[in-house]
């Protein structure tokens, strides 16, 4: 019996097909491949290394502060109030505190202002009855105000 060749390609199992696609290709990494680290990342790495290499003597209060943190010194109410007062009195934060005070004051005044003010409603009724709003210059002013609100 004579076999000249296969009429169809040989079958390959699915597990062989999967492993073939995962298997690294030879010579897939060219010699010209490079990795570049940004200047900022390099500076951060250098600073971190310098900090870790610096002796603790360069930071004389560091050990004292660590000891206070570990002992719970900063957890006492008096210390927290002192820290909060220093922060509130600082220049940058004082502006924010003043702004908060202004907003609170405005909100209080707004809450005290009634939704409907009878005097303003009565004045509007009088103007409608006297045909105040029918004047060309008043119509123009009203239109301008509406357009300003939309812009």
Protein backbone atom coordinates (compact mmCIF):
# COMPACT_ATOMS: atom_id res chain seq x y z
CA UNK A 1 0.00 0.00 0.00
CA UNK A 2 1.31 3.39 -0.92
CA UNK A 3 0.61 6.78 0.82
CA UNK A 4 1.54 9.81 -1.23
CA UNK A 5 0.63 12.52 1.25
CA UNK A 6 -2.02 13.77 3.52
CA UNK A 7 -5.12 15.21 1.95
CA UNK A 8 -5.68 17.58 4.89
CA UNK A 9 -3.38 19.17 7.50
CA UNK A 10 -2.78 17.25 10.72
CA UNK A 11 -5.07 18.03 13.63
CA UNK A 12 -3.63 19.90 16.61
CA UNK A 13 -5.27 19.60 20.03
CA UNK A 14 -6.78 22.71 21.63
CA UNK A 15 -4.35 22.56 24.53
CA UNK A 16 -1.42 22.64 22.08
CA UNK A 17 -3.01 25.55 20.22
CA UNK A 18 -3.39 27.54 23.47
CA UNK A 19 0.13 26.85 24.65
CA UNK A 20 1.50 27.78 21.21
CA UNK A 21 -0.10 31.23 21.40
CA UNK A 22 1.19 31.82 24.94
CA UNK A 23 4.67 30.49 24.27
CA UNK A 24 7.16 33.35 23.83
CA UNK A 25 8.42 33.88 20.34
CA UNK A 26 12.11 33.59 19.71
CA UNK A 27 13.84 36.85 18.90
CA UNK A 28 10.67 38.83 19.79
CA UNK A 29 12.59 41.45 21.78
CA UNK A 30 14.84 43.44 19.54
CA UNK A 31 18.13 44.74 20.83
CA UNK A 32 16.89 48.30 20.27
CA UNK A 33 14.11 48.10 22.94
CA UNK A 34 14.58 50.73 25.65
CA UNK A 35 12.88 51.94 28.82
CA UNK A 36 12.87 55.61 29.71
CA UNK A 37 12.13 57.09 33.13
CA UNK A 38 10.83 60.64 33.21
CA UNK A 39 12.93 63.35 34.81
CA UNK A 40 10.26 63.94 37.49
CA UNK A 41 10.15 60.25 38.41
CA UNK A 42 13.93 60.17 38.63
CA UNK A 43 13.97 63.22 40.91
CA UNK A 44 11.34 61.67 43.20
CA UNK A 45 13.33 58.45 43.39
CA UNK A 46 16.53 60.39 44.18
CA UNK A 47 14.83 62.42 46.92
CA UNK A 48 13.30 59.31 48.46
CA UNK A 49 16.67 57.59 48.48
CA UNK A 50 18.32 60.66 50.03
CA UNK A 51 15.66 60.84 52.75
CA UNK A 52 16.06 57.17 53.61
CA UNK A 53 19.84 57.51 53.68
CA UNK A 54 19.84 60.66 55.84
CA UNK A 55 20.73 60.05 59.46
CA UNK A 56 18.07 60.85 62.02
CA UNK A 57 20.39 63.41 63.61
CA UNK A 58 19.63 65.73 60.68
CA UNK A 59 16.09 65.91 62.02
CA UNK A 60 16.62 66.64 65.73
CA UNK A 61 12.93 66.93 66.61
CA UNK A 62 11.87 63.90 64.56
CA UNK A 63 12.42 61.43 67.40
CA UNK A 64 10.60 63.76 69.81
CA UNK A 65 7.60 64.07 67.48
CA UNK A 66 7.49 60.31 66.88
CA UNK A 67 7.50 59.73 70.62
CA UNK A 68 4.62 62.16 71.12
CA UNK A 69 2.58 60.50 68.38
CA UNK A 70 3.18 57.03 69.82
CA UNK A 71 2.32 58.18 73.35
CA UNK A 72 -0.99 59.73 72.22
CA UNK A 73 0.06 63.27 73.17
CA UNK A 74 -1.72 64.74 70.14
CA UNK A 75 -4.98 62.93 70.99
CA UNK A 76 -5.76 65.09 74.04
CA UNK A 77 -8.54 67.64 73.67
CA UNK A 78 -6.37 70.55 74.81
CA UNK A 79 -3.66 69.85 72.25
CA UNK A 80 -6.22 69.42 69.46
CA UNK A 81 -7.84 72.74 70.40
CA UNK A 82 -4.44 74.47 70.45
CA UNK A 83 -3.62 73.10 67.00
CA UNK A 84 -7.04 74.13 65.67
CA UNK A 85 -6.62 77.66 67.09
CA UNK A 86 -3.19 78.03 65.49
CA UNK A 87 -4.61 76.90 62.15
CA UNK A 88 -7.59 79.26 62.41
CA UNK A 89 -5.34 82.19 63.30
CA UNK A 90 -2.95 81.54 60.40
CA UNK A 91 -3.10 84.00 57.48
CA UNK A 92 -4.22 81.58 54.78
CA UNK A 93 -6.96 79.98 56.82
CA UNK A 94 -8.24 83.23 58.35
CA UNK A 95 -9.59 84.32 54.96
CA UNK A 96 -11.53 81.07 54.64
CA UNK A 97 -12.90 81.44 58.18
CA UNK A 98 -14.00 85.00 57.36
CA UNK A 99 -15.69 83.80 54.15
CA UNK A 100 -17.52 81.07 56.06
CA UNK A 101 -18.69 83.65 58.60
CA UNK A 102 -19.96 85.92 55.80
CA UNK A 103 -21.84 83.06 54.13
CA UNK A 104 -23.41 81.98 57.43
CA UNK A 105 -24.53 85.54 58.10
CA UNK A 106 -26.04 85.82 54.62
CA UNK A 107 -27.85 82.49 55.03
CA UNK A 108 -29.30 83.67 58.34
CA UNK A 109 -30.57 86.91 56.76
CA UNK A 110 -31.98 84.96 53.83
CA UNK A 111 -33.82 82.59 56.15
CA UNK A 112 -35.36 85.61 57.92
CA UNK A 113 -36.54 87.17 54.64
CA UNK A 114 -40.09 86.05 53.80
CA UNK A 115 -40.72 84.41 50.43
CA UNK A 116 -43.51 86.90 49.68
CA UNK A 117 -43.05 90.54 50.60
CA UNK A 118 -46.46 92.20 50.67
CA UNK A 119 -45.06 95.70 50.06
CA UNK A 120 -43.28 94.63 46.86
CA UNK A 121 -46.38 92.76 45.64
CA UNK A 122 -48.58 95.82 46.25
CA UNK A 123 -46.13 98.08 44.40
CA UNK A 124 -46.16 95.71 41.40
CA UNK A 125 -49.99 95.72 41.37
CA UNK A 126 -50.07 99.51 41.39
CA UNK A 127 -47.62 99.67 38.47
CA UNK A 128 -49.69 97.20 36.44
CA UNK A 129 -52.91 99.13 37.13
CA UNK A 130 -51.27 102.46 36.20
CA UNK A 131 -49.93 100.94 32.94
CA UNK A 132 -46.37 101.67 34.06
CA UNK A 133 -45.08 98.62 32.21
CA UNK A 134 -46.68 99.77 28.93
CA UNK A 135 -44.18 102.62 28.51
CA UNK A 136 -41.68 101.95 25.66
CA UNK A 137 -38.60 102.74 27.79
CA UNK A 138 -39.81 100.41 30.58
CA UNK A 139 -40.45 97.62 28.07
CA UNK A 140 -36.94 98.14 26.64
CA UNK A 141 -35.38 98.06 30.14
CA UNK A 142 -37.35 94.92 31.03
CA UNK A 143 -36.25 93.22 27.82
CA UNK A 144 -32.62 94.17 28.48
CA UNK A 145 -32.81 92.72 31.98
CA UNK A 146 -34.27 89.45 30.66
CA UNK A 147 -31.51 89.22 28.06
CA UNK A 148 -28.88 89.92 30.73
CA UNK A 149 -30.29 87.09 32.84
CA UNK A 150 -30.12 84.69 29.89
CA UNK A 151 -26.52 85.59 29.03
